[in-house]
N, C-alpha and C. Protein backbone atom coordinates (compact mmCIF):
# COMPACT_ATOMS: atom_id res chain seq x y z
N MET A 1 146.90 -45.17 182.21
CA MET A 1 147.47 -45.69 183.06
C MET A 1 149.29 -45.88 183.14
N ASN A 2 149.72 -45.06 183.94
CA ASN A 2 151.16 -45.49 184.00
C ASN A 2 151.63 -45.80 185.21
N ALA A 3 151.79 -47.12 184.87
CA ALA A 3 152.15 -48.84 185.48
C ALA A 3 153.23 -49.20 185.67
N VAL A 4 154.39 -48.92 186.44
CA VAL A 4 155.59 -49.05 186.28
C VAL A 4 155.16 -50.61 186.92
N THR A 5 156.43 -51.66 186.98
CA THR A 5 156.64 -52.74 187.71
C THR A 5 158.08 -53.33 187.31
N LEU A 6 158.16 -54.27 188.59
CA LEU A 6 159.83 -54.47 188.58
C LEU A 6 160.20 -55.30 187.32
N ARG A 7 159.48 -56.09 186.41
CA ARG A 7 159.67 -56.58 185.42
C ARG A 7 159.94 -55.94 184.77
N GLY A 8 159.39 -55.03 184.54
CA GLY A 8 160.22 -53.86 183.41
C GLY A 8 161.35 -52.97 183.82
N ILE A 9 161.39 -52.66 185.40
CA ILE A 9 162.97 -51.96 185.41
C ILE A 9 163.95 -53.04 185.39
N CYS A 10 163.05 -54.77 184.82
CA CYS A 10 164.26 -55.81 184.97
C CYS A 10 164.87 -55.21 183.64
N VAL A 11 163.99 -55.50 182.67
CA VAL A 11 163.56 -55.79 181.62
C VAL A 11 164.61 -54.27 180.43
N THR A 12 164.54 -53.16 181.28
CA THR A 12 164.85 -51.92 180.74
C THR A 12 166.40 -51.89 181.06
N SER A 13 166.87 -52.56 182.29
CA SER A 13 168.04 -52.24 182.58
C SER A 13 169.15 -53.68 182.14
N VAL A 14 168.29 -54.39 181.64
CA VAL A 14 169.17 -55.68 180.86
C VAL A 14 169.48 -54.58 179.13
N LEU A 15 167.96 -53.82 178.92
CA LEU A 15 168.92 -53.40 177.38
C LEU A 15 169.61 -52.44 177.58
N PHE A 16 169.58 -51.27 178.96
CA PHE A 16 170.27 -50.60 178.63
C PHE A 16 171.92 -51.09 178.79
N ALA A 17 171.96 -52.01 179.05
CA ALA A 17 173.78 -53.41 179.64
C ALA A 17 173.75 -53.72 178.08
N LEU A 18 172.77 -54.14 177.66
CA LEU A 18 173.38 -54.20 176.56
C LEU A 18 173.27 -52.56 175.51
N VAL A 19 173.19 -52.00 175.39
CA VAL A 19 173.34 -50.94 174.68
C VAL A 19 174.96 -50.01 175.24
N LEU A 20 175.40 -49.93 176.92
CA LEU A 20 176.13 -49.99 177.43
C LEU A 20 177.57 -50.62 176.83
N CYS A 21 177.23 -51.96 176.34
CA CYS A 21 178.25 -52.73 175.77
C CYS A 21 178.43 -52.38 174.23
N LEU A 22 177.84 -51.71 173.51
CA LEU A 22 177.89 -51.98 172.24
C LEU A 22 178.45 -50.36 172.14
N LEU A 23 178.29 -49.32 172.94
CA LEU A 23 178.96 -47.80 172.80
C LEU A 23 180.74 -48.41 173.21
N PRO A 24 181.48 -47.58 172.16
CA PRO A 24 182.54 -47.31 172.69
C PRO A 24 183.10 -46.81 173.95
N GLU A 25 184.21 -46.93 174.82
CA GLU A 25 184.75 -46.74 175.76
C GLU A 25 185.36 -44.98 174.98
N GLY A 26 184.94 -44.19 176.55
CA GLY A 26 185.08 -42.56 175.98
C GLY A 26 183.99 -42.28 176.88
N ARG A 27 183.94 -40.70 176.95
CA ARG A 27 183.28 -39.82 177.55
C ARG A 27 181.49 -40.00 177.31
N GLU A 28 181.26 -40.63 175.80
CA GLU A 28 179.63 -41.07 175.57
C GLU A 28 179.84 -42.30 176.17
N LYS A 29 180.02 -43.03 176.39
CA LYS A 29 179.75 -44.27 177.25
C LYS A 29 179.33 -43.74 178.40
N GLN A 30 180.19 -42.97 178.85
CA GLN A 30 180.05 -42.27 180.66
C GLN A 30 178.34 -41.49 180.62
N ILE A 31 178.14 -40.88 179.72
CA ILE A 31 176.80 -39.94 179.51
C ILE A 31 176.13 -41.10 179.32
N ALA A 32 176.20 -42.44 179.04
CA ALA A 32 175.17 -43.27 178.53
C ALA A 32 174.71 -43.88 179.73
N SER A 33 176.02 -44.16 181.05
CA SER A 33 176.15 -44.84 181.46
C SER A 33 175.13 -43.81 183.31
N LEU A 34 175.31 -42.89 183.04
CA LEU A 34 174.78 -41.66 183.52
C LEU A 34 172.93 -41.83 183.44
N CYS A 35 173.24 -41.53 182.27
CA CYS A 35 171.49 -41.37 181.92
C CYS A 35 170.56 -43.01 182.48
N ALA A 36 171.65 -43.85 182.43
CA ALA A 36 170.41 -45.29 182.05
C ALA A 36 170.67 -45.20 183.53
N THR A 37 171.56 -44.71 184.80
CA THR A 37 171.34 -45.09 185.75
C THR A 37 170.45 -44.07 186.27
N ALA A 38 169.86 -42.80 185.82
CA ALA A 38 169.38 -42.03 186.51
C ALA A 38 167.50 -42.51 185.91
N ALA A 39 167.21 -42.84 184.98
CA ALA A 39 165.98 -43.63 184.02
C ALA A 39 165.92 -44.73 185.04
N LEU A 40 166.98 -45.72 185.42
CA LEU A 40 166.31 -46.61 186.62
C LEU A 40 166.39 -46.54 187.12
N VAL A 41 166.52 -45.54 187.96
CA VAL A 41 166.55 -45.19 189.81
C VAL A 41 165.06 -43.81 189.37
N LEU A 42 164.92 -43.75 188.78
CA LEU A 42 163.03 -42.70 188.31
C LEU A 42 162.42 -43.55 188.03
N MET A 43 162.84 -44.62 187.20
CA MET A 43 161.45 -46.22 187.34
C MET A 43 161.50 -46.54 188.81
N PHE A 44 162.74 -46.59 189.89
CA PHE A 44 162.79 -47.73 190.50
C PHE A 44 161.48 -46.80 191.90
N LEU A 45 161.84 -45.58 191.62
CA LEU A 45 161.35 -44.36 192.49
C LEU A 45 159.72 -43.98 192.33
N GLY A 46 159.48 -44.49 190.70
CA GLY A 46 158.19 -44.71 190.37
C GLY A 46 157.40 -45.63 190.96
N LEU A 47 157.74 -47.10 190.60
CA LEU A 47 157.45 -47.78 191.21
C LEU A 47 157.09 -48.19 192.88
N VAL A 48 157.89 -47.56 193.74
CA VAL A 48 157.90 -47.42 194.69
C VAL A 48 156.49 -45.89 195.68
N ARG A 49 156.39 -45.41 194.74
CA ARG A 49 155.52 -43.89 194.67
C ARG A 49 154.29 -44.74 194.21
N GLN A 50 153.99 -45.67 193.53
CA GLN A 50 152.56 -46.10 192.96
C GLN A 50 152.45 -46.95 194.35
N ASN A 51 152.84 -47.94 194.72
CA ASN A 51 152.83 -48.73 195.84
C ASN A 51 151.60 -48.38 196.71
N ASP A 52 150.90 -49.11 197.52
CA ASP A 52 149.55 -48.80 198.17
C ASP A 52 150.00 -49.46 199.41
N TRP A 53 150.20 -48.26 200.05
CA TRP A 53 151.24 -48.94 200.83
C TRP A 53 150.45 -49.49 202.93
N GLY A 54 148.77 -48.94 202.50
CA GLY A 54 148.48 -49.24 203.64
C GLY A 54 147.47 -50.57 203.07
N ASP A 55 147.65 -51.05 201.59
CA ASP A 55 147.49 -52.89 201.62
C ASP A 55 148.57 -53.70 201.51
N TYR A 56 149.69 -53.22 201.30
CA TYR A 56 151.11 -53.70 201.88
C TYR A 56 151.15 -54.07 203.11
N ALA A 57 150.37 -53.17 204.22
CA ALA A 57 150.59 -53.46 205.61
C ALA A 57 149.47 -54.48 205.87
N LEU A 58 148.30 -53.93 205.32
CA LEU A 58 147.26 -55.22 205.31
C LEU A 58 147.48 -56.90 205.19
N SER A 59 148.25 -56.43 203.81
CA SER A 59 148.76 -57.71 203.72
C SER A 59 149.64 -58.54 204.23
N LEU A 60 150.60 -57.49 204.96
CA LEU A 60 152.11 -57.87 205.62
C LEU A 60 151.05 -58.56 207.41
N SER A 61 149.99 -57.52 207.84
CA SER A 61 149.57 -58.48 208.87
C SER A 61 148.55 -59.94 209.13
N GLU A 62 148.10 -59.78 207.22
CA GLU A 62 147.17 -60.42 207.64
C GLU A 62 148.30 -62.45 207.43
N ALA A 63 149.56 -61.60 206.69
CA ALA A 63 150.58 -62.63 206.38
C ALA A 63 151.23 -63.51 208.27
N SER A 64 151.00 -62.13 208.40
CA SER A 64 151.80 -62.38 210.46
C SER A 64 150.44 -63.41 210.94
N ALA A 65 149.13 -62.86 210.99
CA ALA A 65 147.52 -63.35 211.79
C ALA A 65 148.34 -65.60 210.70
N ALA A 66 148.15 -65.40 209.85
CA ALA A 66 148.07 -66.51 209.23
C ALA A 66 149.30 -67.66 209.51
N ALA A 67 151.02 -66.76 209.63
CA ALA A 67 151.78 -67.97 210.28
C ALA A 67 151.82 -67.93 211.68
N ASP A 68 151.34 -67.03 212.65
CA ASP A 68 150.51 -67.05 214.16
C ASP A 68 150.26 -68.67 213.97
N ALA A 69 148.39 -68.69 213.32
CA ALA A 69 147.98 -69.78 213.39
C ALA A 69 148.37 -70.84 212.56
N VAL A 70 149.15 -70.99 211.66
CA VAL A 70 150.02 -72.13 211.75
C VAL A 70 151.00 -72.97 212.60
N SER A 71 151.73 -71.31 213.43
CA SER A 71 152.20 -72.28 214.32
C SER A 71 151.47 -72.32 215.35
N LEU A 72 150.51 -72.07 215.75
CA LEU A 72 149.55 -73.04 216.73
C LEU A 72 149.06 -73.93 216.63
N ASP A 73 148.92 -74.30 215.18
CA ASP A 73 148.48 -75.88 214.74
C ASP A 73 149.79 -76.66 215.09
N ALA A 74 150.51 -76.23 214.30
CA ALA A 74 151.62 -77.38 214.75
C ALA A 74 152.19 -77.66 216.20
N ASP A 75 152.22 -76.52 216.77
CA ASP A 75 152.01 -76.40 218.47
C ASP A 75 151.84 -77.52 218.66
N ALA A 76 149.72 -77.44 218.45
CA ALA A 76 149.29 -78.07 218.78
C ALA A 76 149.18 -79.66 218.59
N LYS A 77 149.64 -79.57 217.15
CA LYS A 77 149.83 -81.35 216.68
C LYS A 77 151.18 -82.11 217.35
N SER A 78 151.94 -80.81 217.85
CA SER A 78 153.11 -81.90 218.13
C SER A 78 152.73 -81.99 219.94
N LYS A 79 152.37 -81.47 220.21
CA LYS A 79 151.89 -81.46 221.54
C LYS A 79 150.88 -83.13 221.69
N ALA A 80 150.39 -83.33 220.85
CA ALA A 80 148.87 -84.66 220.62
C ALA A 80 150.08 -85.40 220.46
N LEU A 81 150.93 -85.40 219.57
CA LEU A 81 151.53 -86.50 219.28
C LEU A 81 152.56 -87.13 219.91
N ASN A 82 153.28 -85.56 221.16
CA ASN A 82 154.23 -86.27 221.93
C ASN A 82 153.68 -87.08 223.10
N ARG A 83 152.31 -86.63 223.54
CA ARG A 83 150.90 -87.21 224.88
C ARG A 83 151.09 -88.60 223.96
N PHE A 84 150.74 -88.70 222.74
CA PHE A 84 150.79 -90.27 222.31
C PHE A 84 151.75 -91.11 222.43
N VAL A 85 152.85 -90.63 221.88
CA VAL A 85 154.30 -91.06 222.21
C VAL A 85 154.55 -91.98 223.81
N ILE A 86 153.96 -90.41 224.57
CA ILE A 86 154.20 -90.85 226.00
C ILE A 86 153.63 -92.36 226.52
N GLU A 87 152.28 -91.86 225.96
CA GLU A 87 151.18 -92.82 226.19
C GLU A 87 151.50 -94.53 226.13
N GLN A 88 151.87 -94.57 224.96
CA GLN A 88 151.99 -95.61 224.57
C GLN A 88 153.51 -96.17 224.93
N LYS A 89 154.45 -95.42 225.19
CA LYS A 89 155.89 -95.38 225.75
C LYS A 89 154.99 -96.12 227.11
N CYS A 90 154.42 -95.89 228.04
CA CYS A 90 154.90 -95.74 229.25
C CYS A 90 153.66 -97.63 229.39
N GLU A 91 152.40 -98.22 228.75
CA GLU A 91 151.70 -98.95 228.46
C GLU A 91 152.82 -100.06 227.52
N GLU A 92 153.34 -99.42 226.83
CA GLU A 92 155.13 -100.88 226.63
C GLU A 92 155.53 -101.21 227.80
N TYR A 93 155.33 -100.03 228.29
CA TYR A 93 156.45 -100.77 229.95
C TYR A 93 156.00 -101.96 230.58
N ILE A 94 154.45 -100.95 230.69
CA ILE A 94 153.52 -102.19 231.53
C ILE A 94 153.36 -103.29 231.35
N TRP A 95 153.24 -103.76 229.85
CA TRP A 95 153.08 -105.01 229.16
C TRP A 95 154.20 -105.77 229.11
N ASP A 96 155.41 -105.18 229.26
CA ASP A 96 156.63 -106.06 229.20
C ASP A 96 157.43 -106.33 230.10
N LYS A 97 156.59 -105.65 231.30
CA LYS A 97 157.18 -105.82 232.74
C LYS A 97 156.20 -107.25 233.07
N ALA A 98 154.72 -107.09 232.62
CA ALA A 98 153.54 -108.12 233.28
C ALA A 98 153.79 -109.43 232.35
N ALA A 99 154.27 -109.58 231.24
CA ALA A 99 154.98 -110.19 230.44
C ALA A 99 156.64 -110.85 231.31
N ASP A 100 156.81 -110.25 231.94
CA ASP A 100 158.52 -110.60 232.85
C ASP A 100 157.40 -111.08 233.77
N LEU A 101 156.75 -111.01 234.56
CA LEU A 101 156.08 -111.78 235.29
C LEU A 101 155.24 -112.90 235.35
N SER A 102 154.75 -112.64 234.03
CA SER A 102 154.01 -114.18 233.50
C SER A 102 152.85 -113.58 234.20
N LEU A 103 152.56 -112.79 234.00
CA LEU A 103 151.22 -111.83 234.40
C LEU A 103 150.07 -111.55 233.38
N PRO A 104 149.27 -112.43 233.36
CA PRO A 104 148.06 -112.13 232.39
C PRO A 104 147.62 -110.83 232.25
N LEU A 105 146.98 -109.69 231.14
CA LEU A 105 146.69 -109.00 231.77
C LEU A 105 145.49 -108.78 229.96
N LYS A 106 144.76 -107.92 230.43
CA LYS A 106 143.46 -107.76 229.56
C LYS A 106 143.44 -106.44 228.69
N ASP A 107 143.72 -105.81 229.81
CA ASP A 107 144.18 -104.05 229.05
C ASP A 107 145.07 -103.66 229.97
N VAL A 108 145.48 -102.25 229.64
CA VAL A 108 146.48 -100.72 230.35
C VAL A 108 145.86 -100.02 230.07
N GLU A 109 145.70 -98.94 230.86
CA GLU A 109 144.74 -97.64 229.71
C GLU A 109 145.92 -96.64 230.74
N ILE A 110 146.42 -95.88 230.17
CA ILE A 110 147.78 -94.24 230.86
C ILE A 110 146.89 -93.36 230.69
N HIS A 111 146.60 -92.09 231.68
CA HIS A 111 146.34 -91.47 231.22
C HIS A 111 147.52 -90.62 231.57
N VAL A 112 148.14 -89.90 230.74
CA VAL A 112 148.76 -88.69 231.44
C VAL A 112 147.88 -86.43 231.85
N GLN A 113 149.35 -86.51 231.81
CA GLN A 113 148.74 -85.13 232.29
C GLN A 113 149.92 -84.17 231.80
N TRP A 114 149.68 -82.52 231.07
CA TRP A 114 150.13 -81.79 231.23
C TRP A 114 151.21 -81.17 232.03
N ARG A 115 152.45 -81.08 232.28
CA ARG A 115 153.06 -79.97 233.06
C ARG A 115 153.35 -78.77 232.99
N ASP A 116 153.49 -77.56 233.99
CA ASP A 116 154.12 -76.22 233.55
C ASP A 116 155.60 -76.28 232.86
N GLU A 117 155.82 -77.54 232.73
CA GLU A 117 157.85 -77.30 232.33
C GLU A 117 157.66 -77.91 231.05
N GLY A 118 156.37 -78.10 230.94
CA GLY A 118 156.48 -78.47 229.02
C GLY A 118 156.36 -79.82 228.76
N VAL A 119 156.06 -80.73 229.39
CA VAL A 119 156.16 -82.45 229.14
C VAL A 119 154.22 -82.76 229.34
N TRP A 120 154.38 -83.59 228.77
CA TRP A 120 153.15 -84.99 229.35
C TRP A 120 153.75 -85.74 230.51
N THR A 121 153.37 -86.08 231.66
CA THR A 121 153.64 -87.01 232.12
C THR A 121 152.96 -88.06 232.91
N PRO A 122 152.90 -89.85 232.98
CA PRO A 122 152.01 -90.53 233.81
C PRO A 122 151.20 -89.55 234.88
N GLU A 123 149.68 -89.84 234.66
CA GLU A 123 148.95 -89.04 235.99
C GLU A 123 148.67 -90.39 236.75
N SER A 124 147.82 -91.47 235.71
CA SER A 124 147.11 -92.55 236.19
C SER A 124 147.19 -93.82 235.65
N VAL A 125 146.88 -94.21 236.04
CA VAL A 125 146.34 -96.03 235.38
C VAL A 125 145.67 -96.65 235.48
N ARG A 126 144.93 -97.40 234.48
CA ARG A 126 144.09 -98.19 234.64
C ARG A 126 144.37 -100.01 234.06
N ILE A 127 144.48 -100.63 234.89
CA ILE A 127 145.18 -102.10 234.63
C ILE A 127 143.91 -103.26 234.49
N THR A 128 143.29 -103.77 233.78
CA THR A 128 142.48 -104.97 233.93
C THR A 128 143.69 -106.40 233.84
N ALA A 129 143.44 -107.37 234.91
CA ALA A 129 143.97 -108.59 235.10
C ALA A 129 142.70 -109.58 234.95
N THR A 130 142.97 -111.02 235.11
CA THR A 130 142.74 -111.74 234.68
C THR A 130 142.40 -112.41 236.65
N GLU A 131 143.33 -111.83 237.00
CA GLU A 131 143.29 -112.83 238.48
C GLU A 131 144.29 -111.85 239.41
N TYR A 132 143.93 -111.98 239.84
CA TYR A 132 144.21 -110.75 241.81
C TYR A 132 145.90 -111.90 242.43
N SER A 133 147.13 -111.21 242.05
CA SER A 133 147.90 -112.23 243.14
C SER A 133 149.10 -111.57 242.93
N GLN A 134 149.86 -111.63 243.53
CA GLN A 134 151.14 -111.23 243.92
C GLN A 134 152.32 -110.01 242.90
N LYS A 135 151.97 -111.54 241.72
CA LYS A 135 152.39 -111.11 240.40
C LYS A 135 152.19 -109.27 240.32
N LEU A 136 150.35 -109.11 240.53
CA LEU A 136 150.38 -108.08 239.88
C LEU A 136 150.11 -106.46 241.24
N GLU A 137 150.67 -107.15 242.26
CA GLU A 137 151.05 -105.92 243.28
C GLU A 137 152.20 -105.86 243.18
N ARG A 138 153.36 -106.42 242.38
CA ARG A 138 154.51 -106.28 241.89
C ARG A 138 154.83 -105.30 241.49
N LEU A 139 154.06 -105.71 240.20
CA LEU A 139 153.71 -105.08 238.88
C LEU A 139 153.05 -103.18 239.35
N SER A 140 151.97 -103.50 240.46
CA SER A 140 152.06 -102.05 240.76
C SER A 140 153.30 -101.18 241.30
N GLY A 141 153.77 -102.27 242.96
CA GLY A 141 155.00 -101.78 242.28
C GLY A 141 156.10 -100.88 241.81
N LEU A 142 156.29 -101.57 240.59
CA LEU A 142 157.27 -101.43 239.58
C LEU A 142 157.06 -100.28 238.89
N ILE A 143 155.50 -99.78 238.42
CA ILE A 143 154.67 -98.74 238.25
C ILE A 143 155.08 -97.95 238.72
N GLU A 144 154.98 -97.62 240.06
CA GLU A 144 155.23 -96.29 241.02
C GLU A 144 156.83 -96.32 241.26
N ALA A 145 157.53 -96.90 241.01
CA ALA A 145 159.00 -96.79 241.16
C ALA A 145 159.34 -96.33 239.22
N GLN A 146 158.99 -96.83 238.67
CA GLN A 146 159.40 -96.63 237.39
C GLN A 146 158.72 -95.49 236.25
N LEU A 147 157.60 -95.19 236.89
CA LEU A 147 156.60 -94.20 235.91
C LEU A 147 156.14 -93.40 237.22
N GLY A 148 156.43 -93.63 237.99
CA GLY A 148 156.30 -92.81 239.33
C GLY A 148 154.74 -92.13 239.61
N ILE A 149 153.83 -93.70 238.93
CA ILE A 149 152.36 -92.93 239.43
C ILE A 149 152.12 -94.43 240.67
N PRO A 150 151.36 -93.34 242.02
CA PRO A 150 151.28 -93.67 243.00
C PRO A 150 150.31 -94.70 242.86
N LEU A 151 150.62 -95.70 244.22
CA LEU A 151 149.69 -96.34 243.69
C LEU A 151 147.99 -95.89 244.37
N SER A 152 147.63 -95.44 244.54
CA SER A 152 146.13 -94.16 244.90
C SER A 152 145.87 -93.71 244.05
N ARG A 153 146.72 -93.46 242.54
CA ARG A 153 145.84 -93.53 241.68
C ARG A 153 146.07 -94.41 240.24
N GLN A 154 146.64 -95.46 240.69
CA GLN A 154 146.62 -96.91 240.08
C GLN A 154 145.07 -97.83 240.28
N GLU A 155 144.41 -98.43 239.33
CA GLU A 155 143.03 -98.58 239.53
C GLU A 155 143.49 -99.80 238.82
N LEU A 156 143.53 -100.92 239.40
CA LEU A 156 143.59 -101.92 239.58
C LEU A 156 142.07 -102.96 239.19
N GLU A 157 141.61 -103.89 238.09
CA GLU A 157 140.20 -104.64 237.98
C GLU A 157 140.60 -105.68 237.54
N ILE A 158 139.47 -106.46 238.15
CA ILE A 158 139.75 -108.48 237.77
C ILE A 158 138.58 -108.34 237.26
N GLU A 159 138.82 -108.87 235.95
CA GLU A 159 137.86 -109.73 235.18
C GLU A 159 138.19 -110.86 235.07
N ASN A 160 137.08 -112.11 235.53
CA ASN A 160 137.21 -113.37 235.35
C ASN A 160 137.03 -113.93 233.78
N ASP A 161 138.07 -115.02 233.46
CA ASP A 161 137.47 -114.98 231.54
C ASP A 161 136.83 -116.32 231.18
N SER A 162 135.33 -116.16 232.81
CA SER A 162 134.71 -117.16 233.15
C SER A 162 133.50 -116.63 232.18
N GLY A 163 133.52 -115.58 231.20
CA GLY A 163 132.04 -115.29 230.63
C GLY A 163 131.62 -114.40 231.09
């Protein structure tokens, strides 16, 4: 079995370097340097020749497919995280505005939609309040003005605390 390895080439080149350092300057050193260079080139060509390039191409293809799968997975996770952040920010905005208006809310639920522009945008909102008042209408107006959710996609639900 004639197996030339990259490690073998490295070891041989170190040995040749040591031998060349020990030789005195002159014609003998030049001939030894030429022979060492030729031997290393032949070893490298043997390494290249013995490689199975079909396996290399298959390995390269598998590695490329694995990289694509990791990239798609990362994109999907990034998209999901961005969606979560947008939903949380919109819900926080509504809770803060309700607090500013002294409007007691029970629940806020935002639904977002993926746009062709590559961003999540608020699509609709479901708000559960304890009473209907002018403050709730004002909050709806703020949601429409600041988050871009029209009144037609705002679901307002009133739940009484009495049981």
